[in-house]
Amino acid sequence: MDFQSFLEYVPYLTHAQLPAMAAHLKMAPKERIEGLDTKGENKNPRKAAVMMLFYPKNNKTHLVLIVRNSYEGVHSGQIAFPGGKYEEEDLDFETTALRETQEEVGIDPAMMQIVKAFTPIYIPPSNFIVHPFLGICHNELCFVPDPTEVAKIIELPLSVFLDDEIIIDAQLSTSYATNINVPAFDIEGKVVWGATAMMLSELKDVLNAVICAKIIQE
């Protein structure tokens, strides 16, 4: 989808209803389903925010993802959205998402427009509750990844993201189970699962609903 066409959907995205749990469950490992309702309320979870950032590249709409560096931790080497931990000096979770996106991939917050907050999701293995935000940049971007946190930038075309062919079943060993089957996205040959896949699922459902609604309206 070209970026100017995508921008026509932004007003619809602003007012779109969020499918929340219904979308998250599509991509939730069965071992994680029980914890989705509680959002870690009894575990005093740490707070974080991420940015689901769309932007033009060669006039085509893209979504940025990152591959995290390998380290001793439950999210080592995983694909994620730019983002990170809420800090006390942050005014709100939007501020966290903007600040962390700048720190991780080098995009000035002044270039980013936040369109909508999406449904927070609890991540039991790391005891974080993550607040996702849909954002857009109107100009092509030059990413500057933080080498201490980001191993690679993935620039995912919207047309590829909306193709159901990238939804797969994968067998993985995780921090809490061995050789389990999980629903996932196949993005550039990498398996995207867990919380990022659940957030992607809600984003995809909202985009598809908005596209359909606009077509019907016309």
C-alpha atoms as a PDB file:
ATOM      1  CA  MET A   1       0.000   0.000   0.000  1.00  0.00           C
ATOM      2  CA  ASP A   2       1.409   3.401  -0.911  1.00  0.00           C
ATOM      3  CA  PHE A   3       1.836   5.783   1.991  1.00  0.00           C
ATOM      4  CA  GLN A   4      -0.574   8.443   0.800  1.00  0.00           C
ATOM      5  CA  SER A   5      -3.339   5.824   0.625  1.00  0.00           C
ATOM      6  CA  PHE A   6      -2.402   4.657   4.130  1.00  0.00           C
ATOM      7  CA  LEU A   7      -2.749   8.190   5.462  1.00  0.00           C
ATOM      8  CA  GLU A   8      -6.385   8.195   4.328  1.00  0.00           C
ATOM      9  CA  TYR A   9      -7.047   5.471   6.908  1.00  0.00           C
ATOM     10  CA  VAL A  10      -5.519   7.372   9.832  1.00  0.00           C
ATOM     11  CA  PRO A  11      -8.761   9.181  10.853  1.00  0.00           C
ATOM     12  CA  TYR A  12     -10.519   5.804  10.880  1.00  0.00           C
ATOM     13  CA  LEU A  13      -7.715   4.283  12.942  1.00  0.00           C
ATOM     14  CA  THR A  14      -8.050   7.037  15.530  1.00  0.00           C
ATOM     15  CA  HIS A  15     -11.646   6.027  16.275  1.00  0.00           C
ATOM     16  CA  ALA A  16     -11.347   2.291  15.659  1.00  0.00           C
ATOM     17  CA  GLN A  17     -12.550  -0.142  18.308  1.00  0.00           C
ATOM     18  CA  LEU A  18      -9.879  -2.421  19.726  1.00  0.00           C
ATOM     19  CA  PRO A  19     -10.518  -6.184  19.647  1.00  0.00           C
ATOM     20  CA  ALA A  20      -8.190  -6.592  22.647  1.00  0.00           C
ATOM     21  CA  MET A  21      -8.356 -10.134  24.062  1.00  0.00           C
ATOM     22  CA  ALA A  22     -10.072 -11.541  20.968  1.00  0.00           C
ATOM     23  CA  ALA A  23      -7.060 -10.531  18.860  1.00  0.00           C
ATOM     24  CA  HIS A  24      -4.433 -11.457  21.463  1.00  0.00           C
ATOM     25  CA  LEU A  25      -5.843 -14.978  21.871  1.00  0.00           C
ATOM     26  CA  LYS A  26      -5.296 -15.728  18.181  1.00  0.00           C
ATOM     27  CA  MET A  27      -1.534 -15.585  18.700  1.00  0.00           C
ATOM     28  CA  ALA A  28      -1.226 -16.521  22.371  1.00  0.00           C
ATOM     29  CA  PRO A  29       0.663 -19.698  23.318  1.00  0.00           C
ATOM     30  CA  LYS A  30      -1.824 -21.876  25.186  1.00  0.00           C
ATOM     31  CA  GLU A  31       0.481 -21.824  28.212  1.00  0.00           C
ATOM     32  CA  ARG A  32       0.028 -18.049  28.402  1.00  0.00           C
ATOM     33  CA  ILE A  33      -3.735 -17.790  27.973  1.00  0.00           C
ATOM     34  CA  GLU A  34      -4.593 -18.068  31.664  1.00  0.00           C
ATOM     35  CA  GLY A  35      -2.489 -15.015  32.561  1.00  0.00           C
ATOM     36  CA  LEU A  36      -3.936 -12.698  29.927  1.00  0.00           C
ATOM     37  CA  ASP A  37      -6.993 -11.753  31.975  1.00  0.00           C
ATOM     38  CA  THR A  38      -5.154 -10.739  35.148  1.00  0.00           C
ATOM     39  CA  LYS A  39      -2.540  -8.488  33.483  1.00  0.00           C
ATOM     40  CA  GLY A  40      -0.242  -9.362  36.381  1.00  0.00           C
ATOM     41  CA  GLU A  41      -2.340  -7.370  38.833  1.00  0.00           C
ATOM     42  CA  ASN A  42      -1.208  -9.488  41.776  1.00  0.00           C
ATOM     43  CA  LYS A  43       2.485  -9.425  40.819  1.00  0.00           C
ATOM     44  CA  ASN A  44       3.224  -5.685  40.812  1.00  0.00           C
ATOM     45  CA  PRO A  45       4.431  -5.796  37.194  1.00  0.00           C
ATOM     46  CA  ARG A  46       7.001  -3.409  35.814  1.00  0.00           C
ATOM     47  CA  LYS A  47       5.729  -1.035  33.143  1.00  0.00           C
ATOM     48  CA  ALA A  48       6.910  -0.488  29.580  1.00  0.00           C
ATOM     49  CA  ALA A  49       5.731   1.025  26.313  1.00  0.00           C
ATOM     50  CA  VAL A  50       6.435   0.258  22.652  1.00  0.00           C
ATOM     51  CA  MET A  51       5.903   2.026  19.347  1.00  0.00           C
ATOM     52  CA  MET A  52       4.185   0.417  16.347  1.00  0.00           C
ATOM     53  CA  LEU A  53       5.599   2.915  13.870  1.00  0.00           C
ATOM     54  CA  PHE A  54       4.483   3.235  10.240  1.00  0.00           C
ATOM     55  CA  TYR A  55       6.397   5.339   7.729  1.00  0.00           C
ATOM     56  CA  PRO A  56       7.047   5.630   3.974  1.00  0.00           C
ATOM     57  CA  LYS A  57       9.919   3.862   2.223  1.00  0.00           C
ATOM     58  CA  ASN A  58      10.044   4.298  -1.548  1.00  0.00           C
ATOM     59  CA  ASN A  59       6.476   5.613  -1.127  1.00  0.00           C
ATOM     60  CA  LYS A  60       5.320   2.255   0.284  1.00  0.00           C
ATOM     61  CA  THR A  61       4.036   1.927   3.843  1.00  0.00           C
ATOM     62  CA  HIS A  62       6.377   0.072   6.209  1.00  0.00           C
ATOM     63  CA  LEU A  63       6.359  -0.970   9.867  1.00  0.00           C
ATOM     64  CA  VAL A  64       9.604  -1.030  11.844  1.00  0.00           C
ATOM     65  CA  LEU A  65      10.608  -3.926  14.086  1.00  0.00           C
ATOM     66  CA  ILE A  66      13.889  -4.677  15.804  1.00  0.00           C
ATOM     67  CA  VAL A  67      15.887  -7.814  16.529  1.00  0.00           C
ATOM     68  CA  ARG A  68      17.146  -7.601  20.078  1.00  0.00           C
ATOM     69  CA  ASN A  69      20.757  -8.422  20.892  1.00  0.00           C
ATOM     70  CA  SER A  70      21.587 -11.740  22.505  1.00  0.00           C
ATOM     71  CA  TYR A  71      21.935 -11.516  26.269  1.00  0.00           C
ATOM     72  CA  GLU A  72      21.124 -13.515  29.390  1.00  0.00           C
ATOM     73  CA  GLY A  73      17.407 -12.863  29.632  1.00  0.00           C
ATOM     74  CA  VAL A  74      14.033 -14.182  28.531  1.00  0.00           C
ATOM     75  CA  HIS A  75      13.762 -11.872  25.496  1.00  0.00           C
ATOM     76  CA  SER A  76      17.262 -12.439  24.133  1.00  0.00           C
ATOM     77  CA  GLY A  77      17.440 -12.308  20.332  1.00  0.00           C
ATOM     78  CA  GLN A  78      13.708 -11.855  19.898  1.00  0.00           C
ATOM     79  CA  ILE A  79      11.937  -9.636  17.396  1.00  0.00           C
ATOM     80  CA  ALA A  80      10.103  -6.745  19.029  1.00  0.00           C
ATOM     81  CA  PHE A  81       8.782  -3.249  18.559  1.00  0.00           C
ATOM     82  CA  PRO A  82      11.067  -0.381  19.557  1.00  0.00           C
ATOM     83  CA  GLY A  83      10.348   0.452  23.176  1.00  0.00           C
ATOM     84  CA  GLY A  84      11.304  -0.181  26.739  1.00  0.00           C
ATOM     85  CA  LYS A  85      10.860   0.427  30.424  1.00  0.00           C
ATOM     86  CA  TYR A  86       8.838   3.316  31.858  1.00  0.00           C
ATOM     87  CA  GLU A  87      11.008   5.720  33.829  1.00  0.00           C
ATOM     88  CA  GLU A  88       9.846   7.924  36.697  1.00  0.00           C
ATOM     89  CA  GLU A  89      10.673  11.084  34.746  1.00  0.00           C
ATOM     90  CA  ASP A  90       8.355  10.056  31.882  1.00  0.00           C
ATOM     91  CA  LEU A  91       5.151  12.094  31.863  1.00  0.00           C
ATOM     92  CA  ASP A  92       3.135   9.111  30.625  1.00  0.00           C
ATOM     93  CA  PHE A  93       3.457   5.916  28.592  1.00  0.00           C
ATOM     94  CA  GLU A  94       3.369   7.864  25.327  1.00  0.00           C
ATOM     95  CA  THR A  95       6.509   9.652  26.504  1.00  0.00           C
ATOM     96  CA  THR A  96       8.113   6.292  27.253  1.00  0.00           C
ATOM     97  CA  ALA A  97       7.327   4.956  23.782  1.00  0.00           C
ATOM     98  CA  LEU A  98       8.699   8.082  22.096  1.00  0.00           C
ATOM     99  CA  ARG A  99      11.831   8.240  24.250  1.00  0.00           C
ATOM    100  CA  GLU A 100      12.653   4.567  23.915  1.00  0.00           C
ATOM    101  CA  THR A 101      12.111   4.622  20.150  1.00  0.00           C
ATOM    102  CA  GLN A 102      14.603   7.461  19.893  1.00  0.00           C
ATOM    103  CA  GLU A 103      17.083   5.629  22.120  1.00  0.00           C
ATOM    104  CA  GLU A 104      16.808   2.310  20.304  1.00  0.00           C
ATOM    105  CA  VAL A 105      16.498   3.292  16.641  1.00  0.00           C
ATOM    106  CA  GLY A 106      17.415   6.977  16.568  1.00  0.00           C
ATOM    107  CA  ILE A 107      14.135   8.605  15.524  1.00  0.00           C
ATOM    108  CA  ASP A 108      13.480  12.099  16.889  1.00  0.00           C
ATOM    109  CA  PRO A 109      10.199  12.182  18.870  1.00  0.00           C
ATOM    110  CA  ALA A 110       9.265  15.377  17.014  1.00  0.00           C
ATOM    111  CA  MET A 111       9.040  13.298  13.813  1.00  0.00           C
ATOM    112  CA  MET A 112       6.557  10.834  15.311  1.00  0.00           C
ATOM    113  CA  GLN A 113       2.814  11.355  15.599  1.00  0.00           C
ATOM    114  CA  ILE A 114       1.001   9.057  18.004  1.00  0.00           C
ATOM    115  CA  VAL A 115      -2.334   8.021  16.508  1.00  0.00           C
ATOM    116  CA  LYS A 116      -3.770   5.624  19.060  1.00  0.00           C
ATOM    117  CA  ALA A 117      -3.048   3.651  22.214  1.00  0.00           C
ATOM    118  CA  PHE A 118      -3.596  -0.082  21.833  1.00  0.00           C
ATOM    119  CA  THR A 119      -4.484  -2.696  24.448  1.00  0.00           C
ATOM    120  CA  PRO A 120      -1.831  -3.229  27.156  1.00  0.00           C
ATOM    121  CA  ILE A 121      -0.516  -6.772  27.399  1.00  0.00           C
ATOM    122  CA  TYR A 122       1.052  -8.596  30.332  1.00  0.00           C
ATOM    123  CA  ILE A 123       4.245 -10.648  29.783  1.00  0.00           C
ATOM    124  CA  PRO A 124       4.558 -13.249  32.586  1.00  0.00           C
ATOM    125  CA  PRO A 125       8.176 -14.410  31.988  1.00  0.00           C
ATOM    126  CA  SER A 126       9.562 -10.897  32.535  1.00  0.00           C
ATOM    127  CA  ASN A 127       6.670  -9.568  34.668  1.00  0.00           C
ATOM    128  CA  PHE A 128       6.113  -6.515  32.459  1.00  0.00           C
ATOM    129  CA  ILE A 129       2.877  -4.917  31.356  1.00  0.00           C
ATOM    130  CA  VAL A 130       3.472  -3.290  27.986  1.00  0.00           C
ATOM    131  CA  HIS A 131       1.530  -0.348  26.554  1.00  0.00           C
ATOM    132  CA  PRO A 132       1.618  -0.301  22.719  1.00  0.00           C
ATOM    133  CA  PHE A 133       1.081   2.856  20.666  1.00  0.00           C
ATOM    134  CA  LEU A 134       0.381   3.205  16.963  1.00  0.00           C
ATOM    135  CA  GLY A 135       2.485   6.000  15.491  1.00  0.00           C
ATOM    136  CA  ILE A 136       3.312   7.416  12.085  1.00  0.00           C
ATOM    137  CA  CYS A 137       6.161   9.359  10.519  1.00  0.00           C
ATOM    138  CA  HIS A 138       5.401  11.301   7.365  1.00  0.00           C
ATOM    139  CA  ASN A 139       8.944  11.197   5.994  1.00  0.00           C
ATOM    140  CA  GLU A 140      11.345   8.450   5.030  1.00  0.00           C
ATOM    141  CA  LEU A 141      13.510   7.440   7.964  1.00  0.00           C
ATOM    142  CA  CYS A 142      17.183   6.798   8.507  1.00  0.00           C
ATOM    143  CA  PHE A 143      17.430   4.442  11.467  1.00  0.00           C
ATOM    144  CA  VAL A 144      20.395   4.596  13.830  1.00  0.00           C
ATOM    145  CA  PRO A 145      20.153   1.454  15.972  1.00  0.00           C
ATOM    146  CA  ASP A 146      21.686   1.403  19.439  1.00  0.00           C
ATOM    147  CA  PRO A 147      24.316  -1.349  19.135  1.00  0.00           C
ATOM    148  CA  THR A 148      23.987  -2.242  22.811  1.00  0.00           C
ATOM    149  CA  GLU A 149      20.314  -3.184  22.385  1.00  0.00           C
ATOM    150  CA  VAL A 150      19.523  -3.713  18.703  1.00  0.00           C
ATOM    151  CA  ALA A 151      21.123  -6.356  16.495  1.00  0.00           C
ATOM    152  CA  LYS A 152      19.107  -5.541  13.367  1.00  0.00           C
ATOM    153  CA  ILE A 153      16.337  -3.330  12.005  1.00  0.00           C
ATOM    154  CA  ILE A 154      13.467  -4.974  10.123  1.00  0.00           C
ATOM    155  CA  GLU A 155      11.498  -2.770   7.732  1.00  0.00           C
ATOM    156  CA  LEU A 156       8.291  -4.719   7.132  1.00  0.00           C
ATOM    157  CA  PRO A 157       6.115  -3.663   4.187  1.00  0.00           C
ATOM    158  CA  LEU A 158       2.468  -3.246   5.171  1.00  0.00           C
ATOM    159  CA  SER A 159       1.428  -5.425   2.234  1.00  0.00           C
ATOM    160  CA  VAL A 160       3.498  -8.299   3.633  1.00  0.00           C
ATOM    161  CA  PHE A 161       2.158  -7.776   7.158  1.00  0.00           C
ATOM    162  CA  LEU A 162      -1.454  -7.962   5.957  1.00  0.00           C
ATOM    163  CA  ASP A 163      -0.817 -11.195   4.017  1.00  0.00           C
ATOM    164  CA  ASP A 164      -2.149 -14.148   6.037  1.00  0.00           C
ATOM    165  CA  GLU A 165       0.560 -16.357   4.518  1.00  0.00           C
ATOM    166  CA  ILE A 166       3.005 -15.092   7.150  1.00  0.00           C
ATOM    167  CA  ILE A 167       0.941 -16.631   9.983  1.00  0.00           C
ATOM    168  CA  ILE A 168       2.431 -20.004  10.951  1.00  0.00           C
ATOM    169  CA  ASP A 169       2.606 -22.627  13.673  1.00  0.00           C
ATOM    170  CA  ALA A 170       6.091 -23.012  15.128  1.00  0.00           C
ATOM    171  CA  GLN A 171       7.741 -25.354  17.604  1.00  0.00           C
ATOM    172  CA  LEU A 172       9.910 -23.588  20.169  1.00  0.00           C
ATOM    173  CA  SER A 173      11.663 -24.054  23.465  1.00  0.00           C
ATOM    174  CA  THR A 174      10.931 -21.119  25.757  1.00  0.00           C
ATOM    175  CA  SER A 175      11.811 -19.897  29.229  1.00  0.00           C
ATOM    176  CA  TYR A 176       8.884 -21.860  30.641  1.00  0.00           C
ATOM    177  CA  ALA A 177       8.428 -24.894  28.333  1.00  0.00           C
ATOM    178  CA  THR A 178      10.293 -27.164  25.918  1.00  0.00           C
ATOM    179  CA  ASN A 179       9.241 -28.029  22.368  1.00  0.00           C
ATOM    180  CA  ILE A 180       5.843 -26.353  22.463  1.00  0.00           C
ATOM    181  CA  ASN A 181       3.735 -25.383  19.477  1.00  0.00           C
ATOM    182  CA  VAL A 182       2.952 -21.681  19.253  1.00  0.00           C
ATOM    183  CA  PRO A 183       1.127 -19.499  16.736  1.00  0.00           C
ATOM    184  CA  ALA A 184       3.544 -17.045  15.176  1.00  0.00           C
ATOM    185  CA  PHE A 185       4.378 -14.702  12.323  1.00  0.00           C
ATOM    186  CA  ASP A 186       7.106 -15.622   9.835  1.00  0.00           C
ATOM    187  CA  ILE A 187       8.876 -12.318   9.189  1.00  0.00           C
ATOM    188  CA  GLU A 188      11.995 -12.425   7.029  1.00  0.00           C
ATOM    189  CA  GLY A 189      12.435 -16.069   7.986  1.00  0.00           C
ATOM    190  CA  LYS A 190      12.328 -15.287  11.704  1.00  0.00           C
ATOM    191  CA  VAL A 191       9.663 -16.572  14.089  1.00  0.00           C
ATOM    192  CA  VAL A 192       7.796 -13.751  15.843  1.00  0.00           C
ATOM    193  CA  TRP A 193       5.736 -15.091  18.729  1.00  0.00           C
ATOM    194  CA  GLY A 194       4.541 -14.291  22.241  1.00  0.00           C
ATOM    195  CA  ALA A 195       3.690 -10.737  23.243  1.00  0.00           C
ATOM    196  CA  THR A 196       4.941  -9.153  20.015  1.00  0.00           C
ATOM    197  CA  ALA A 197       2.834 -11.558  17.953  1.00  0.00           C
ATOM    198  CA  MET A 198      -0.207 -10.793  20.112  1.00  0.00           C
ATOM    199  CA  MET A 199       0.277  -7.051  19.637  1.00  0.00           C
ATOM    200  CA  LEU A 200       0.766  -7.586  15.902  1.00  0.00           C
ATOM    201  CA  SER A 201      -2.463  -9.594  15.869  1.00  0.00           C
ATOM    202  CA  GLU A 202      -4.470  -6.723  17.343  1.00  0.00           C
ATOM    203  CA  LEU A 203      -2.809  -4.251  14.988  1.00  0.00           C
ATOM    204  CA  LYS A 204      -3.586  -6.450  11.992  1.00  0.00           C
ATOM    205  CA  ASP A 205      -7.223  -6.942  13.017  1.00  0.00           C
ATOM    206  CA  VAL A 206      -7.715  -3.192  13.457  1.00  0.00           C
ATOM    207  CA  LEU A 207      -6.108  -2.397  10.106  1.00  0.00           C
ATOM    208  CA  ASN A 208      -8.218  -4.994   8.301  1.00  0.00           C
ATOM    209  CA  ALA A 209     -11.416  -3.712   9.949  1.00  0.00           C
ATOM    210  CA  VAL A 210     -10.616  -0.113   9.040  1.00  0.00           C
ATOM    211  CA  ILE A 211      -9.778  -1.008   5.439  1.00  0.00           C
ATOM    212  CA  CYS A 212     -13.055  -2.918   5.084  1.00  0.00           C
ATOM    213  CA  ALA A 213     -15.078  -0.119   6.704  1.00  0.00           C
ATOM    214  CA  LYS A 214     -13.617   2.491   4.362  1.00  0.00           C
ATOM    215  CA  ILE A 215     -14.304   0.347   1.301  1.00  0.00           C
ATOM    216  CA  ILE A 216     -17.935  -0.171   2.394  1.00  0.00           C
ATOM    217  CA  GLN A 217     -18.347   3.538   3.073  1.00  0.00           C
ATOM    218  CA  GLU A 218     -17.136   4.405  -0.403  1.00  0.00           C
END
